[in-house]
C-alpha cells in the first residue's frame, strides 16, 4: 500500500469513527437524553466536511494521475 493510500485509508477510518459518534449522539437525543456536548455534533459535522473534502481531493488527484498515465501509455503505444 502506498503512503498516499495508507493516509487515505486512515482518513476514511477517522470519518467512520466520527460518523459513529454523531450517530450515537443523535440516537441519545432522539431517546430523550441530553447531548453530551451541545456543540459536539456541530463540531463533528464540521470535521466530517473537512475530512470528506480531503478524501475527495485525494481521490480526484489519483483519478487525474491515472488518466494522465493512460494517455501517456496510449501515446507511447501509438508511436511504437
N, C-alpha and C. Protein backbone atom coordinates (compact mmCIF):
# COMPACT_ATOMS: atom_id res chain seq x y z
N UNK A 1 0.86 -1.18 0.00
CA UNK A 1 0.00 0.00 0.00
C UNK A 1 0.90 1.23 0.00
N UNK A 2 0.67 2.14 -0.93
CA UNK A 2 1.47 3.36 -0.99
C UNK A 2 1.17 4.25 0.21
N UNK A 3 2.07 5.19 0.46
CA UNK A 3 1.89 6.11 1.59
C UNK A 3 0.60 6.91 1.42
N UNK A 4 0.31 7.34 0.20
CA UNK A 4 -0.92 8.12 -0.05
C UNK A 4 -2.15 7.27 0.24
N UNK A 5 -2.14 6.02 -0.20
CA UNK A 5 -3.28 5.14 0.06
C UNK A 5 -3.43 4.85 1.54
N UNK A 6 -2.30 4.69 2.24
CA UNK A 6 -2.33 4.45 3.68
C UNK A 6 -2.96 5.65 4.40
N UNK A 7 -2.55 6.86 4.01
CA UNK A 7 -3.12 8.07 4.62
C UNK A 7 -4.60 8.19 4.30
N UNK A 8 -4.99 7.86 3.10
CA UNK A 8 -6.40 7.90 2.71
C UNK A 8 -7.19 6.88 3.52
N UNK A 9 -6.64 5.71 3.69
CA UNK A 9 -7.29 4.67 4.49
C UNK A 9 -7.48 5.14 5.93
N UNK A 10 -6.46 5.76 6.50
CA UNK A 10 -6.56 6.29 7.86
C UNK A 10 -7.62 7.38 7.95
N UNK A 11 -7.68 8.24 6.95
CA UNK A 11 -8.67 9.32 6.95
C UNK A 11 -10.07 8.74 6.88
N UNK A 12 -10.27 7.71 6.08
CA UNK A 12 -11.58 7.07 6.00
C UNK A 12 -11.96 6.42 7.33
N UNK A 13 -10.98 5.84 8.03
CA UNK A 13 -11.25 5.29 9.36
C UNK A 13 -11.70 6.39 10.32
N UNK A 14 -11.07 7.56 10.23
CA UNK A 14 -11.46 8.69 11.08
C UNK A 14 -12.89 9.13 10.76
N UNK A 15 -13.23 9.16 9.48
CA UNK A 15 -14.58 9.55 9.08
C UNK A 15 -15.60 8.57 9.65
N UNK A 16 -15.31 7.28 9.55
CA UNK A 16 -16.23 6.28 10.09
C UNK A 16 -16.41 6.46 11.59
N UNK A 17 -15.32 6.70 12.30
CA UNK A 17 -15.41 6.90 13.75
C UNK A 17 -16.25 8.13 14.09
N UNK A 18 -16.07 9.20 13.33
CA UNK A 18 -16.84 10.42 13.59
C UNK A 18 -18.32 10.21 13.25
N UNK A 19 -18.59 9.50 12.17
CA UNK A 19 -19.99 9.22 11.83
C UNK A 19 -20.64 8.38 12.92
N UNK A 20 -19.91 7.42 13.46
CA UNK A 20 -20.44 6.61 14.56
C UNK A 20 -20.71 7.47 15.79
N UNK A 21 -19.82 8.41 16.08
CA UNK A 21 -20.01 9.30 17.23
C UNK A 21 -21.24 10.19 17.03
N UNK A 22 -21.40 10.72 15.82
CA UNK A 22 -22.58 11.54 15.53
C UNK A 22 -23.84 10.70 15.67
N UNK A 23 -23.82 9.49 15.14
CA UNK A 23 -24.98 8.61 15.26
C UNK A 23 -25.33 8.33 16.71
N UNK A 24 -24.33 8.09 17.54
CA UNK A 24 -24.56 7.85 18.96
C UNK A 24 -25.19 9.07 19.63
N UNK A 25 -24.66 10.24 19.31
CA UNK A 25 -25.19 11.48 19.90
C UNK A 25 -26.64 11.72 19.47
N UNK A 26 -26.89 11.52 18.19
CA UNK A 26 -28.25 11.76 17.69
C UNK A 26 -29.23 10.73 18.23
N UNK A 27 -28.79 9.49 18.36
CA UNK A 27 -29.65 8.46 18.96
C UNK A 27 -29.98 8.81 20.40
N UNK A 28 -29.00 9.28 21.14
CA UNK A 28 -29.23 9.69 22.53
C UNK A 28 -30.22 10.84 22.58
N UNK A 29 -30.11 11.76 21.64
CA UNK A 29 -31.02 12.91 21.59
C UNK A 29 -32.44 12.45 21.29
N UNK A 30 -32.59 11.52 20.36
CA UNK A 30 -33.91 11.01 20.00
C UNK A 30 -34.53 10.26 21.17
N UNK A 31 -33.70 9.55 21.93
CA UNK A 31 -34.17 8.78 23.08
C UNK A 31 -34.51 9.67 24.27
N UNK A 32 -34.31 10.97 24.13
CA UNK A 32 -34.66 11.91 25.19
C UNK A 32 -33.51 12.29 26.10
N UNK A 33 -32.35 11.71 25.86
CA UNK A 33 -31.19 12.10 26.65
C UNK A 33 -30.64 13.41 26.12
N UNK A 34 -29.90 14.07 26.95
CA UNK A 34 -29.27 15.31 26.51
C UNK A 34 -27.99 14.97 25.74
N UNK A 35 -27.69 15.78 24.76
CA UNK A 35 -26.45 15.57 24.04
C UNK A 35 -25.29 15.80 25.00
N UNK A 36 -24.25 15.00 24.90
CA UNK A 36 -23.12 15.15 25.81
C UNK A 36 -22.53 16.56 25.79
N UNK A 37 -22.42 17.10 24.61
CA UNK A 37 -21.96 18.47 24.44
C UNK A 37 -22.86 19.11 23.41
N UNK A 38 -23.45 20.23 23.75
CA UNK A 38 -24.39 20.87 22.84
C UNK A 38 -23.82 21.14 21.47
N UNK A 39 -22.54 21.49 21.43
CA UNK A 39 -21.92 21.82 20.15
C UNK A 39 -21.15 20.64 19.57
N UNK A 40 -21.15 19.50 20.28
CA UNK A 40 -20.37 18.35 19.83
C UNK A 40 -20.73 17.87 18.45
N UNK A 41 -22.02 17.78 18.16
CA UNK A 41 -22.45 17.30 16.85
C UNK A 41 -22.03 18.29 15.77
N UNK A 42 -22.18 19.57 16.03
CA UNK A 42 -21.79 20.59 15.06
C UNK A 42 -20.29 20.53 14.77
N UNK A 43 -19.50 20.36 15.82
CA UNK A 43 -18.06 20.27 15.63
C UNK A 43 -17.71 19.02 14.82
N UNK A 44 -18.34 17.90 15.14
CA UNK A 44 -18.08 16.67 14.38
C UNK A 44 -18.48 16.82 12.92
N UNK A 45 -19.61 17.47 12.65
CA UNK A 45 -20.03 17.68 11.26
C UNK A 45 -19.03 18.56 10.53
N UNK A 46 -18.53 19.61 11.19
CA UNK A 46 -17.51 20.46 10.57
C UNK A 46 -16.27 19.65 10.23
N UNK A 47 -15.84 18.80 11.18
CA UNK A 47 -14.68 17.94 10.93
C UNK A 47 -14.95 16.97 9.78
N UNK A 48 -16.16 16.43 9.73
CA UNK A 48 -16.50 15.49 8.65
C UNK A 48 -16.46 16.17 7.29
N UNK A 49 -16.94 17.40 7.21
CA UNK A 49 -16.90 18.13 5.94
C UNK A 49 -15.45 18.30 5.50
N UNK A 50 -14.58 18.67 6.43
CA UNK A 50 -13.16 18.82 6.10
C UNK A 50 -12.57 17.48 5.65
N UNK A 51 -12.88 16.41 6.40
CA UNK A 51 -12.35 15.09 6.05
C UNK A 51 -12.83 14.64 4.68
N UNK A 52 -14.12 14.81 4.39
CA UNK A 52 -14.66 14.43 3.09
C UNK A 52 -14.02 15.25 1.97
N UNK A 53 -13.75 16.51 2.23
CA UNK A 53 -13.11 17.36 1.23
C UNK A 53 -11.70 16.85 0.93
N UNK A 54 -10.96 16.50 1.97
CA UNK A 54 -9.60 15.98 1.79
C UNK A 54 -9.63 14.66 1.02
N UNK A 55 -10.50 13.76 1.42
CA UNK A 55 -10.60 12.46 0.75
C UNK A 55 -11.01 12.64 -0.71
N UNK A 56 -11.98 13.50 -0.95
CA UNK A 56 -12.44 13.76 -2.31
C UNK A 56 -11.31 14.32 -3.17
N UNK A 57 -10.55 15.24 -2.61
CA UNK A 57 -9.43 15.83 -3.34
C UNK A 57 -8.38 14.78 -3.65
N UNK A 58 -8.05 13.94 -2.67
CA UNK A 58 -7.06 12.87 -2.89
C UNK A 58 -7.51 11.93 -4.00
N UNK A 59 -8.77 11.53 -3.95
CA UNK A 59 -9.29 10.62 -4.97
C UNK A 59 -9.31 11.28 -6.34
N UNK A 60 -9.63 12.57 -6.38
CA UNK A 60 -9.65 13.29 -7.65
C UNK A 60 -8.24 13.36 -8.24
N UNK A 61 -7.25 13.64 -7.38
CA UNK A 61 -5.86 13.71 -7.84
C UNK A 61 -5.42 12.35 -8.37
N UNK A 62 -5.75 11.28 -7.64
CA UNK A 62 -5.39 9.94 -8.11
C UNK A 62 -6.06 9.63 -9.44
N UNK A 63 -7.32 10.03 -9.61
CA UNK A 63 -8.03 9.77 -10.86
C UNK A 63 -7.36 10.53 -12.01
N UNK A 64 -7.01 11.80 -11.77
CA UNK A 64 -6.35 12.61 -12.80
C UNK A 64 -5.01 11.99 -13.18
N UNK A 65 -4.24 11.57 -12.16
CA UNK A 65 -2.95 10.94 -12.44
C UNK A 65 -3.13 9.66 -13.24
N UNK A 66 -4.15 8.88 -12.93
CA UNK A 66 -4.41 7.65 -13.68
C UNK A 66 -4.79 7.97 -15.13
N UNK A 67 -5.59 9.02 -15.33
CA UNK A 67 -5.97 9.41 -16.68
C UNK A 67 -4.75 9.86 -17.47
N UNK A 68 -3.87 10.64 -16.82
CA UNK A 68 -2.65 11.10 -17.49
C UNK A 68 -1.75 9.91 -17.85
N UNK A 69 -1.66 8.94 -16.94
CA UNK A 69 -0.85 7.75 -17.22
C UNK A 69 -1.44 6.96 -18.39
N UNK A 70 -2.76 6.86 -18.45
CA UNK A 70 -3.41 6.17 -19.57
C UNK A 70 -3.14 6.88 -20.89
N UNK A 71 -3.21 8.22 -20.87
CA UNK A 71 -2.93 8.99 -22.08
C UNK A 71 -1.49 8.78 -22.53
N UNK A 72 -0.57 8.84 -21.58
CA UNK A 72 0.84 8.65 -21.91
C UNK A 72 1.07 7.25 -22.47
N UNK A 73 0.41 6.27 -21.89
CA UNK A 73 0.52 4.89 -22.37
C UNK A 73 -0.05 4.76 -23.78
N UNK A 74 -1.20 5.40 -24.01
CA UNK A 74 -1.81 5.36 -25.34
C UNK A 74 -0.90 6.01 -26.38
N UNK A 75 -0.31 7.16 -26.01
CA UNK A 75 0.59 7.86 -26.94
C UNK A 75 1.82 7.02 -27.21
N UNK A 76 2.37 6.40 -26.17
CA UNK A 76 3.56 5.56 -26.35
C UNK A 76 3.23 4.35 -27.21
N UNK A 77 2.06 3.78 -27.03
CA UNK A 77 1.63 2.64 -27.83
C UNK A 77 1.38 3.02 -29.27
N UNK A 78 0.88 4.23 -29.48
CA UNK A 78 0.59 4.70 -30.83
C UNK A 78 1.84 5.06 -31.60
N UNK A 79 2.89 5.46 -30.88
CA UNK A 79 4.13 5.86 -31.54
C UNK A 79 5.02 4.66 -31.83
N UNK A 80 4.75 3.54 -31.17
CA UNK A 80 5.63 2.37 -31.34
C UNK A 80 5.45 1.73 -32.69
